[in-house]
Amino acid sequence: MMLVEVFDISPTTYQLWRKTMSTFEDMTAKSIGDRTGVNTALVAHGLIGAMHYIAREWLESSYAQPRAEVAASCNILFAAVHTSLDTQ
């Protein structure tokens, strides 16, 4: 799992992390779709950051919550963003 800070491990590891995150950012932005006046890349960064924090808390709690609960929490974020964008 790539939830620990990998920036200082090595340049090769950093490049792999950057490539993986770029792909995830693209997928997340595409899930938002084209929206007039919305920088979907920035929204995607925010969603990924929130999911990252949820996952880190789960990891640091030694996986105290069921995986389905963690996934549902992330889904709520996406649903909230989509609802917000759909009402604009």
PDB file of N, CA and C in Angstrom:
ATOM      1  N   MET A   1       0.850  -1.169   0.000  1.00  0.00           N
ATOM      2  CA  MET A   1       0.000   0.000   0.000  1.00  0.00           C
ATOM      3  C   MET A   1       0.898   1.235   0.000  1.00  0.00           C
ATOM      4  N   MET A   2       0.589   2.179  -0.862  1.00  0.00           N
ATOM      5  CA  MET A   2       1.433   3.372  -0.996  1.00  0.00           C
ATOM      6  C   MET A   2       0.897   4.532  -0.168  1.00  0.00           C
ATOM      7  N   LEU A   3       0.705   4.310   1.125  1.00  0.00           N
ATOM      8  CA  LEU A   3       0.164   5.381   1.955  1.00  0.00           C
ATOM      9  C   LEU A   3       1.225   6.091   2.772  1.00  0.00           C
ATOM     10  N   VAL A   4       2.401   5.545   2.824  1.00  0.00           N
ATOM     11  CA  VAL A   4       3.472   6.221   3.547  1.00  0.00           C
ATOM     12  C   VAL A   4       4.137   7.199   2.608  1.00  0.00           C
ATOM     13  N   GLU A   5       4.782   8.183   3.174  1.00  0.00           N
ATOM     14  CA  GLU A   5       5.459   9.183   2.353  1.00  0.00           C
ATOM     15  C   GLU A   5       6.657   8.542   1.677  1.00  0.00           C
ATOM     16  N   VAL A   6       6.648   8.526   0.357  1.00  0.00           N
ATOM     17  CA  VAL A   6       7.695   7.844  -0.400  1.00  0.00           C
ATOM     18  C   VAL A   6       8.656   8.809  -1.071  1.00  0.00           C
ATOM     19  N   PHE A   7       8.499  10.074  -0.834  1.00  0.00           N
ATOM     20  CA  PHE A   7       9.270  11.079  -1.562  1.00  0.00           C
ATOM     21  C   PHE A   7      10.775  10.938  -1.394  1.00  0.00           C
ATOM     22  N   ASP A   8      11.213  10.536  -0.216  1.00  0.00           N
ATOM     23  CA  ASP A   8      12.641  10.525   0.066  1.00  0.00           C
ATOM     24  C   ASP A   8      13.288   9.152  -0.062  1.00  0.00           C
ATOM     25  N   ILE A   9      12.543   8.144  -0.441  1.00  0.00           N
ATOM     26  CA  ILE A   9      13.124   6.805  -0.526  1.00  0.00           C
ATOM     27  C   ILE A   9      14.153   6.742  -1.646  1.00  0.00           C
ATOM     28  N   SER A  10      13.719   7.123  -2.837  1.00  0.00           N
ATOM     29  CA  SER A  10      14.639   7.166  -3.976  1.00  0.00           C
ATOM     30  C   SER A  10      13.947   7.896  -5.115  1.00  0.00           C
ATOM     31  N   PRO A  11      14.688   8.416  -6.057  1.00  0.00           N
ATOM     32  CA  PRO A  11      14.072   9.057  -7.221  1.00  0.00           C
ATOM     33  C   PRO A  11      13.191   8.091  -8.020  1.00  0.00           C
ATOM     34  N   THR A  12      13.598   6.839  -8.113  1.00  0.00           N
ATOM     35  CA  THR A  12      12.813   5.843  -8.847  1.00  0.00           C
ATOM     36  C   THR A  12      11.472   5.601  -8.165  1.00  0.00           C
ATOM     37  N   THR A  13      11.488   5.473  -6.852  1.00  0.00           N
ATOM     38  CA  THR A  13      10.255   5.269  -6.101  1.00  0.00           C
ATOM     39  C   THR A  13       9.343   6.488  -6.230  1.00  0.00           C
ATOM     40  N   TYR A  14       9.923   7.663  -6.154  1.00  0.00           N
ATOM     41  CA  TYR A  14       9.125   8.879  -6.306  1.00  0.00           C
ATOM     42  C   TYR A  14       8.466   8.918  -7.683  1.00  0.00           C
ATOM     43  N   GLN A  15       9.185   8.581  -8.723  1.00  0.00           N
ATOM     44  CA  GLN A  15       8.624   8.605 -10.076  1.00  0.00           C
ATOM     45  C   GLN A  15       7.492   7.591 -10.210  1.00  0.00           C
ATOM     46  N   LEU A  16       7.641   6.415  -9.614  1.00  0.00           N
ATOM     47  CA  LEU A  16       6.563   5.418  -9.639  1.00  0.00           C
ATOM     48  C   LEU A  16       5.342   5.946  -8.908  1.00  0.00           C
ATOM     49  N   TRP A  17       5.551   6.561  -7.739  1.00  0.00           N
ATOM     50  CA  TRP A  17       4.447   7.142  -6.981  1.00  0.00           C
ATOM     51  C   TRP A  17       3.752   8.232  -7.805  1.00  0.00           C
ATOM     52  N   ARG A  18       4.540   9.119  -8.429  1.00  0.00           N
ATOM     53  CA  ARG A  18       3.984  10.224  -9.212  1.00  0.00           C
ATOM     54  C   ARG A  18       3.154   9.692 -10.390  1.00  0.00           C
ATOM     55  N   LYS A  19       3.659   8.665 -11.069  1.00  0.00           N
ATOM     56  CA  LYS A  19       2.943   8.070 -12.198  1.00  0.00           C
ATOM     57  C   LYS A  19       1.626   7.440 -11.726  1.00  0.00           C
ATOM     58  N   THR A  20       1.687   6.715 -10.626  1.00  0.00           N
ATOM     59  CA  THR A  20       0.488   6.079 -10.081  1.00  0.00           C
ATOM     60  C   THR A  20      -0.539   7.131  -9.680  1.00  0.00           C
ATOM     61  N   MET A  21      -0.093   8.176  -8.991  1.00  0.00           N
ATOM     62  CA  MET A  21      -1.013   9.228  -8.559  1.00  0.00           C
ATOM     63  C   MET A  21      -1.591   9.980  -9.747  1.00  0.00           C
ATOM     64  N   SER A  22      -0.809  10.211 -10.766  1.00  0.00           N
ATOM     65  CA  SER A  22      -1.292  10.897 -11.959  1.00  0.00           C
ATOM     66  C   SER A  22      -2.412  10.098 -12.621  1.00  0.00           C
ATOM     67  N   THR A  23      -2.229   8.792 -12.697  1.00  0.00           N
ATOM     68  CA  THR A  23      -3.270   7.926 -13.272  1.00  0.00           C
ATOM     69  C   THR A  23      -4.532   7.978 -12.414  1.00  0.00           C
ATOM     70  N   PHE A  24      -4.370   7.917 -11.100  1.00  0.00           N
ATOM     71  CA  PHE A  24      -5.511   7.968 -10.191  1.00  0.00           C
ATOM     72  C   PHE A  24      -6.214   9.323 -10.274  1.00  0.00           C
ATOM     73  N   GLU A  25      -5.444  10.391 -10.376  1.00  0.00           N
ATOM     74  CA  GLU A  25      -6.015  11.735 -10.520  1.00  0.00           C
ATOM     75  C   GLU A  25      -6.823  11.842 -11.810  1.00  0.00           C
ATOM     76  N   ASP A  26      -6.291  11.291 -12.895  1.00  0.00           N
ATOM     77  CA  ASP A  26      -7.018  11.319 -14.172  1.00  0.00           C
ATOM     78  C   ASP A  26      -8.329  10.552 -14.069  1.00  0.00           C
ATOM     79  N   MET A  27      -8.286   9.368 -13.458  1.00  0.00           N
ATOM     80  CA  MET A  27      -9.503   8.565 -13.298  1.00  0.00           C
ATOM     81  C   MET A  27     -10.534   9.307 -12.447  1.00  0.00           C
ATOM     82  N   THR A  28     -10.068   9.935 -11.380  1.00  0.00           N
ATOM     83  CA  THR A  28     -10.966  10.657 -10.484  1.00  0.00           C
ATOM     84  C   THR A  28     -11.576  11.866 -11.188  1.00  0.00           C
ATOM     85  N   ALA A  29     -10.758  12.606 -11.922  1.00  0.00           N
ATOM     86  CA  ALA A  29     -11.267  13.771 -12.661  1.00  0.00           C
ATOM     87  C   ALA A  29     -12.287  13.335 -13.709  1.00  0.00           C
ATOM     88  N   LYS A  30     -12.038  12.216 -14.388  1.00  0.00           N
ATOM     89  CA  LYS A  30     -12.994  11.718 -15.387  1.00  0.00           C
ATOM     90  C   LYS A  30     -14.309  11.315 -14.737  1.00  0.00           C
ATOM     91  N   SER A  31     -14.247  10.806 -13.508  1.00  0.00           N
ATOM     92  CA  SER A  31     -15.492  10.431 -12.824  1.00  0.00           C
ATOM     93  C   SER A  31     -16.341  11.654 -12.512  1.00  0.00           C
ATOM     94  N   ILE A  32     -15.690  12.799 -12.369  1.00  0.00           N
ATOM     95  CA  ILE A  32     -16.410  14.057 -12.116  1.00  0.00           C
ATOM     96  C   ILE A  32     -17.026  14.573 -13.404  1.00  0.00           C
ATOM     97  N   GLY A  33     -16.318  14.381 -14.506  1.00  0.00           N
ATOM     98  CA  GLY A  33     -16.810  14.837 -15.801  1.00  0.00           C
ATOM     99  C   GLY A  33     -16.462  16.294 -16.041  1.00  0.00           C
ATOM    100  N   ASP A  34     -16.702  16.725 -17.262  1.00  0.00           N
ATOM    101  CA  ASP A  34     -16.462  18.126 -17.617  1.00  0.00           C
ATOM    102  C   ASP A  34     -17.552  18.995 -17.007  1.00  0.00           C
ATOM    103  N   ARG A  35     -17.137  19.999 -16.286  1.00  0.00           N
ATOM    104  CA  ARG A  35     -18.083  20.924 -15.644  1.00  0.00           C
ATOM    105  C   ARG A  35     -17.636  22.344 -15.948  1.00  0.00           C
ATOM    106  N   THR A  36     -18.530  23.149 -16.441  1.00  0.00           N
ATOM    107  CA  THR A  36     -18.215  24.539 -16.724  1.00  0.00           C
ATOM    108  C   THR A  36     -17.859  25.260 -15.427  1.00  0.00           C
ATOM    109  N   GLY A  37     -16.731  25.933 -15.452  1.00  0.00           N
ATOM    110  CA  GLY A  37     -16.322  26.724 -14.298  1.00  0.00           C
ATOM    111  C   GLY A  37     -15.760  25.919 -13.143  1.00  0.00           C
ATOM    112  N   VAL A  38     -15.517  24.631 -13.341  1.00  0.00           N
ATOM    113  CA  VAL A  38     -14.986  23.787 -12.274  1.00  0.00           C
ATOM    114  C   VAL A  38     -13.645  23.220 -12.716  1.00  0.00           C
ATOM    115  N   ASN A  39     -12.646  23.397 -11.897  1.00  0.00           N
ATOM    116  CA  ASN A  39     -11.345  22.814 -12.171  1.00  0.00           C
ATOM    117  C   ASN A  39     -11.374  21.386 -11.623  1.00  0.00           C
ATOM    118  N   THR A  40     -11.740  20.438 -12.488  1.00  0.00           N
ATOM    119  CA  THR A  40     -11.919  19.062 -12.036  1.00  0.00           C
ATOM    120  C   THR A  40     -10.614  18.445 -11.518  1.00  0.00           C
ATOM    121  N   ALA A  41      -9.484  18.911 -12.026  1.00  0.00           N
ATOM    122  CA  ALA A  41      -8.207  18.396 -11.519  1.00  0.00           C
ATOM    123  C   ALA A  41      -8.029  18.758 -10.041  1.00  0.00           C
ATOM    124  N   LEU A  42      -8.379  19.983  -9.677  1.00  0.00           N
ATOM    125  CA  LEU A  42      -8.261  20.393  -8.275  1.00  0.00           C
ATOM    126  C   LEU A  42      -9.254  19.651  -7.392  1.00  0.00           C
ATOM    127  N   VAL A  43     -10.471  19.461  -7.890  1.00  0.00           N
ATOM    128  CA  VAL A  43     -11.466  18.692  -7.130  1.00  0.00           C
ATOM    129  C   VAL A  43     -10.961  17.262  -6.942  1.00  0.00           C
ATOM    130  N   ALA A  44     -10.392  16.690  -7.994  1.00  0.00           N
ATOM    131  CA  ALA A  44      -9.842  15.334  -7.904  1.00  0.00           C
ATOM    132  C   ALA A  44      -8.730  15.279  -6.858  1.00  0.00           C
ATOM    133  N   HIS A  45      -7.851  16.278  -6.840  1.00  0.00           N
ATOM    134  CA  HIS A  45      -6.781  16.319  -5.834  1.00  0.00           C
ATOM    135  C   HIS A  45      -7.379  16.326  -4.425  1.00  0.00           C
ATOM    136  N   GLY A  46      -8.429  17.114  -4.234  1.00  0.00           N
ATOM    137  CA  GLY A  46      -9.067  17.178  -2.924  1.00  0.00           C
ATOM    138  C   GLY A  46      -9.682  15.857  -2.505  1.00  0.00           C
ATOM    139  N   LEU A  47     -10.365  15.196  -3.438  1.00  0.00           N
ATOM    140  CA  LEU A  47     -10.955  13.901  -3.123  1.00  0.00           C
ATOM    141  C   LEU A  47      -9.886  12.867  -2.794  1.00  0.00           C
ATOM    142  N   ILE A  48      -8.828  12.859  -3.567  1.00  0.00           N
ATOM    143  CA  ILE A  48      -7.749  11.906  -3.318  1.00  0.00           C
ATOM    144  C   ILE A  48      -7.100  12.185  -1.963  1.00  0.00           C
ATOM    145  N   GLY A  49      -6.908  13.447  -1.655  1.00  0.00           N
ATOM    146  CA  GLY A  49      -6.339  13.800  -0.355  1.00  0.00           C
ATOM    147  C   GLY A  49      -7.222  13.329   0.790  1.00  0.00           C
ATOM    148  N   ALA A  50      -8.517  13.506   0.647  1.00  0.00           N
ATOM    149  CA  ALA A  50      -9.446  13.071   1.693  1.00  0.00           C
ATOM    150  C   ALA A  50      -9.431  11.549   1.830  1.00  0.00           C
ATOM    151  N   MET A  51      -9.439  10.848   0.697  1.00  0.00           N
ATOM    152  CA  MET A  51      -9.394   9.386   0.747  1.00  0.00           C
ATOM    153  C   MET A  51      -8.073   8.905   1.339  1.00  0.00           C
ATOM    154  N   HIS A  52      -7.005   9.586   1.013  1.00  0.00           N
ATOM    155  CA  HIS A  52      -5.693   9.236   1.554  1.00  0.00           C
ATOM    156  C   HIS A  52      -5.698   9.359   3.073  1.00  0.00           C
ATOM    157  N   TYR A  53      -6.287  10.430   3.561  1.00  0.00           N
ATOM    158  CA  TYR A  53      -6.327  10.635   5.003  1.00  0.00           C
ATOM    159  C   TYR A  53      -7.191   9.572   5.685  1.00  0.00           C
ATOM    160  N   ILE A  54      -8.331   9.248   5.080  1.00  0.00           N
ATOM    161  CA  ILE A  54      -9.179   8.183   5.625  1.00  0.00           C
ATOM    162  C   ILE A  54      -8.391   6.873   5.680  1.00  0.00           C
ATOM    163  N   ALA A  55      -7.698   6.547   4.598  1.00  0.00           N
ATOM    164  CA  ALA A  55      -6.939   5.300   4.544  1.00  0.00           C
ATOM    165  C   ALA A  55      -5.802   5.288   5.562  1.00  0.00           C
ATOM    166  N   ARG A  56      -5.136   6.420   5.729  1.00  0.00           N
ATOM    167  CA  ARG A  56      -4.053   6.481   6.724  1.00  0.00           C
ATOM    168  C   ARG A  56      -4.584   6.298   8.135  1.00  0.00           C
ATOM    169  N   GLU A  57      -5.717   6.915   8.424  1.00  0.00           N
ATOM    170  CA  GLU A  57      -6.314   6.734   9.752  1.00  0.00           C
ATOM    171  C   GLU A  57      -6.676   5.269   9.975  1.00  0.00           C
ATOM    172  N   TRP A  58      -7.204   4.621   8.937  1.00  0.00           N
ATOM    173  CA  TRP A  58      -7.558   3.208   9.013  1.00  0.00           C
ATOM    174  C   TRP A  58      -6.311   2.360   9.261  1.00  0.00           C
ATOM    175  N   LEU A  59      -5.258   2.657   8.523  1.00  0.00           N
ATOM    176  CA  LEU A  59      -3.996   1.947   8.687  1.00  0.00           C
ATOM    177  C   LEU A  59      -3.445   2.133  10.095  1.00  0.00           C
ATOM    178  N   GLU A  60      -3.438   3.375  10.570  1.00  0.00           N
ATOM    179  CA  GLU A  60      -2.879   3.664  11.893  1.00  0.00           C
ATOM    180  C   GLU A  60      -3.726   3.099  13.027  1.00  0.00           C
ATOM    181  N   SER A  61      -4.995   2.816  12.745  1.00  0.00           N
ATOM    182  CA  SER A  61      -5.858   2.205  13.769  1.00  0.00           C
ATOM    183  C   SER A  61      -5.749   0.684  13.741  1.00  0.00           C
ATOM    184  N   SER A  62      -4.802   0.180  12.961  1.00  0.00           N
ATOM    185  CA  SER A  62      -4.642  -1.272  12.771  1.00  0.00           C
ATOM    186  C   SER A  62      -5.904  -1.889  12.181  1.00  0.00           C
ATOM    187  N   TYR A  63      -6.501  -1.141  11.243  1.00  0.00           N
ATOM    188  CA  TYR A  63      -7.674  -1.621  10.495  1.00  0.00           C
ATOM    189  C   TYR A  63      -8.867  -1.895  11.416  1.00  0.00           C
ATOM    190  N   ALA A  64      -9.090  -0.960  12.351  1.00  0.00           N
ATOM    191  CA  ALA A  64     -10.160  -1.134  13.337  1.00  0.00           C
ATOM    192  C   ALA A  64     -11.550  -1.180  12.710  1.00  0.00           C
ATOM    193  N   GLN A  65     -11.755  -0.416  11.640  1.00  0.00           N
ATOM    194  CA  GLN A  65     -13.060  -0.399  10.999  1.00  0.00           C
ATOM    195  C   GLN A  65     -13.095  -1.450   9.888  1.00  0.00           C
ATOM    196  N   PRO A  66     -14.274  -2.003   9.630  1.00  0.00           N
ATOM    197  CA  PRO A  66     -14.391  -2.936   8.512  1.00  0.00           C
ATOM    198  C   PRO A  66     -14.078  -2.224   7.192  1.00  0.00           C
ATOM    199  N   ARG A  67     -13.498  -2.954   6.264  1.00  0.00           N
ATOM    200  CA  ARG A  67     -13.130  -2.391   4.964  1.00  0.00           C
ATOM    201  C   ARG A  67     -14.345  -1.749   4.282  1.00  0.00           C
ATOM    202  N   ALA A  68     -15.498  -2.376   4.389  1.00  0.00           N
ATOM    203  CA  ALA A  68     -16.706  -1.832   3.758  1.00  0.00           C
ATOM    204  C   ALA A  68     -17.057  -0.457   4.323  1.00  0.00           C
ATOM    205  N   GLU A  69     -16.822  -0.252   5.605  1.00  0.00           N
ATOM    206  CA  GLU A  69     -17.094   1.051   6.228  1.00  0.00           C
ATOM    207  C   GLU A  69     -16.134   2.111   5.701  1.00  0.00           C
ATOM    208  N   VAL A  70     -14.890   1.743   5.516  1.00  0.00           N
ATOM    209  CA  VAL A  70     -13.894   2.670   4.976  1.00  0.00           C
ATOM    210  C   VAL A  70     -14.268   3.036   3.538  1.00  0.00           C
ATOM    211  N   ALA A  71     -14.606   2.035   2.739  1.00  0.00           N
ATOM    212  CA  ALA A  71     -15.000   2.289   1.347  1.00  0.00           C
ATOM    213  C   ALA A  71     -16.265   3.141   1.288  1.00  0.00           C
ATOM    214  N   ALA A  72     -17.221   2.875   2.161  1.00  0.00           N
ATOM    215  CA  ALA A  72     -18.455   3.665   2.185  1.00  0.00           C
ATOM    216  C   ALA A  72     -18.171   5.116   2.532  1.00  0.00           C
ATOM    217  N   SER A  73     -17.222   5.339   3.413  1.00  0.00           N
ATOM    218  CA  SER A  73     -16.846   6.714   3.771  1.00  0.00           C
ATOM    219  C   SER A  73     -16.279   7.447   2.563  1.00  0.00           C
ATOM    220  N   CYS A  74     -15.455   6.778   1.787  1.00  0.00           N
ATOM    221  CA  CYS A  74     -14.909   7.387   0.572  1.00  0.00           C
ATOM    222  C   CYS A  74     -16.017   7.631  -0.452  1.00  0.00           C
ATOM    223  N   ASN A  75     -16.935   6.689  -0.570  1.00  0.00           N
ATOM    224  CA  ASN A  75     -18.049   6.857  -1.508  1.00  0.00           C
ATOM    225  C   ASN A  75     -18.913   8.063  -1.152  1.00  0.00           C
ATOM    226  N   ILE A  76     -19.070   8.329   0.139  1.00  0.00           N
ATOM    227  CA  ILE A  76     -19.838   9.497   0.573  1.00  0.00           C
ATOM    228  C   ILE A  76     -19.200  10.775   0.042  1.00  0.00           C
ATOM    229  N   LEU A  77     -17.876  10.847   0.067  1.00  0.00           N
ATOM    230  CA  LEU A  77     -17.182  12.032  -0.454  1.00  0.00           C
ATOM    231  C   LEU A  77     -17.494  12.236  -1.932  1.00  0.00           C
ATOM    232  N   PHE A  78     -17.375  11.163  -2.716  1.00  0.00           N
ATOM    233  CA  PHE A  78     -17.668  11.262  -4.143  1.00  0.00           C
ATOM    234  C   PHE A  78     -19.122  11.647  -4.386  1.00  0.00           C
ATOM    235  N   ALA A  79     -20.024  11.034  -3.632  1.00  0.00           N
ATOM    236  CA  ALA A  79     -21.447  11.342  -3.802  1.00  0.00           C
ATOM    237  C   ALA A  79     -21.732  12.797  -3.457  1.00  0.00           C
ATOM    238  N   ALA A  80     -21.102  13.296  -2.407  1.00  0.00           N
ATOM    239  CA  ALA A  80     -21.307  14.690  -2.007  1.00  0.00           C
ATOM    240  C   ALA A  80     -20.815  15.646  -3.097  1.00  0.00           C
ATOM    241  N   VAL A  81     -19.658  15.340  -3.676  1.00  0.00           N
ATOM    242  CA  VAL A  81     -19.123  16.186  -4.743  1.00  0.00           C
ATOM    243  C   VAL A  81     -20.053  16.143  -5.947  1.00  0.00           C
ATOM    244  N   HIS A  82     -20.483  14.964  -6.349  1.00  0.00           N
ATOM    245  CA  HIS A  82     -21.379  14.848  -7.507  1.00  0.00           C
ATOM    246  C   HIS A  82     -22.705  15.563  -7.249  1.00  0.00           C
ATOM    247  N   THR A  83     -23.248  15.413  -6.051  1.00  0.00           N
ATOM    248  CA  THR A  83     -24.501  16.103  -5.724  1.00  0.00           C
ATOM    249  C   THR A  83     -24.310  17.617  -5.790  1.00  0.00           C
ATOM    250  N   SER A  84     -23.224  18.076  -5.219  1.00  0.00           N
ATOM    251  CA  SER A  84     -22.948  19.507  -5.222  1.00  0.00           C
ATOM    252  C   SER A  84     -22.809  20.033  -6.648  1.00  0.00           C
ATOM    253  N   LEU A  85     -22.076  19.324  -7.477  1.00  0.00           N
ATOM    254  CA  LEU A  85     -21.855  19.770  -8.863  1.00  0.00           C
ATOM    255  C   LEU A  85     -23.140  19.690  -9.679  1.00  0.00           C
ATOM    256  N   ASP A  86     -23.965  18.684  -9.396  1.00  0.00           N
ATOM    257  CA  ASP A  86     -25.206  18.523 -10.154  1.00  0.00           C
ATOM    258  C   ASP A  86     -26.247  19.592  -9.813  1.00  0.00           C
ATOM    259  N   THR A  87     -26.110  20.216  -8.643  1.00  0.00           N
ATOM    260  CA  THR A  87     -27.076  21.247  -8.256  1.00  0.00           C
ATOM    261  C   THR A  87     -26.606  22.650  -8.612  1.00  0.00           C
ATOM    262  N   GLN A  88     -25.417  22.755  -9.203  1.00  0.00           N
ATOM    263  CA  GLN A  88     -24.915  24.082  -9.573  1.00  0.00           C
ATOM    264  C   GLN A  88     -25.488  24.521 -10.889  1.00  0.00           C
TER     265      GLN A  88
END
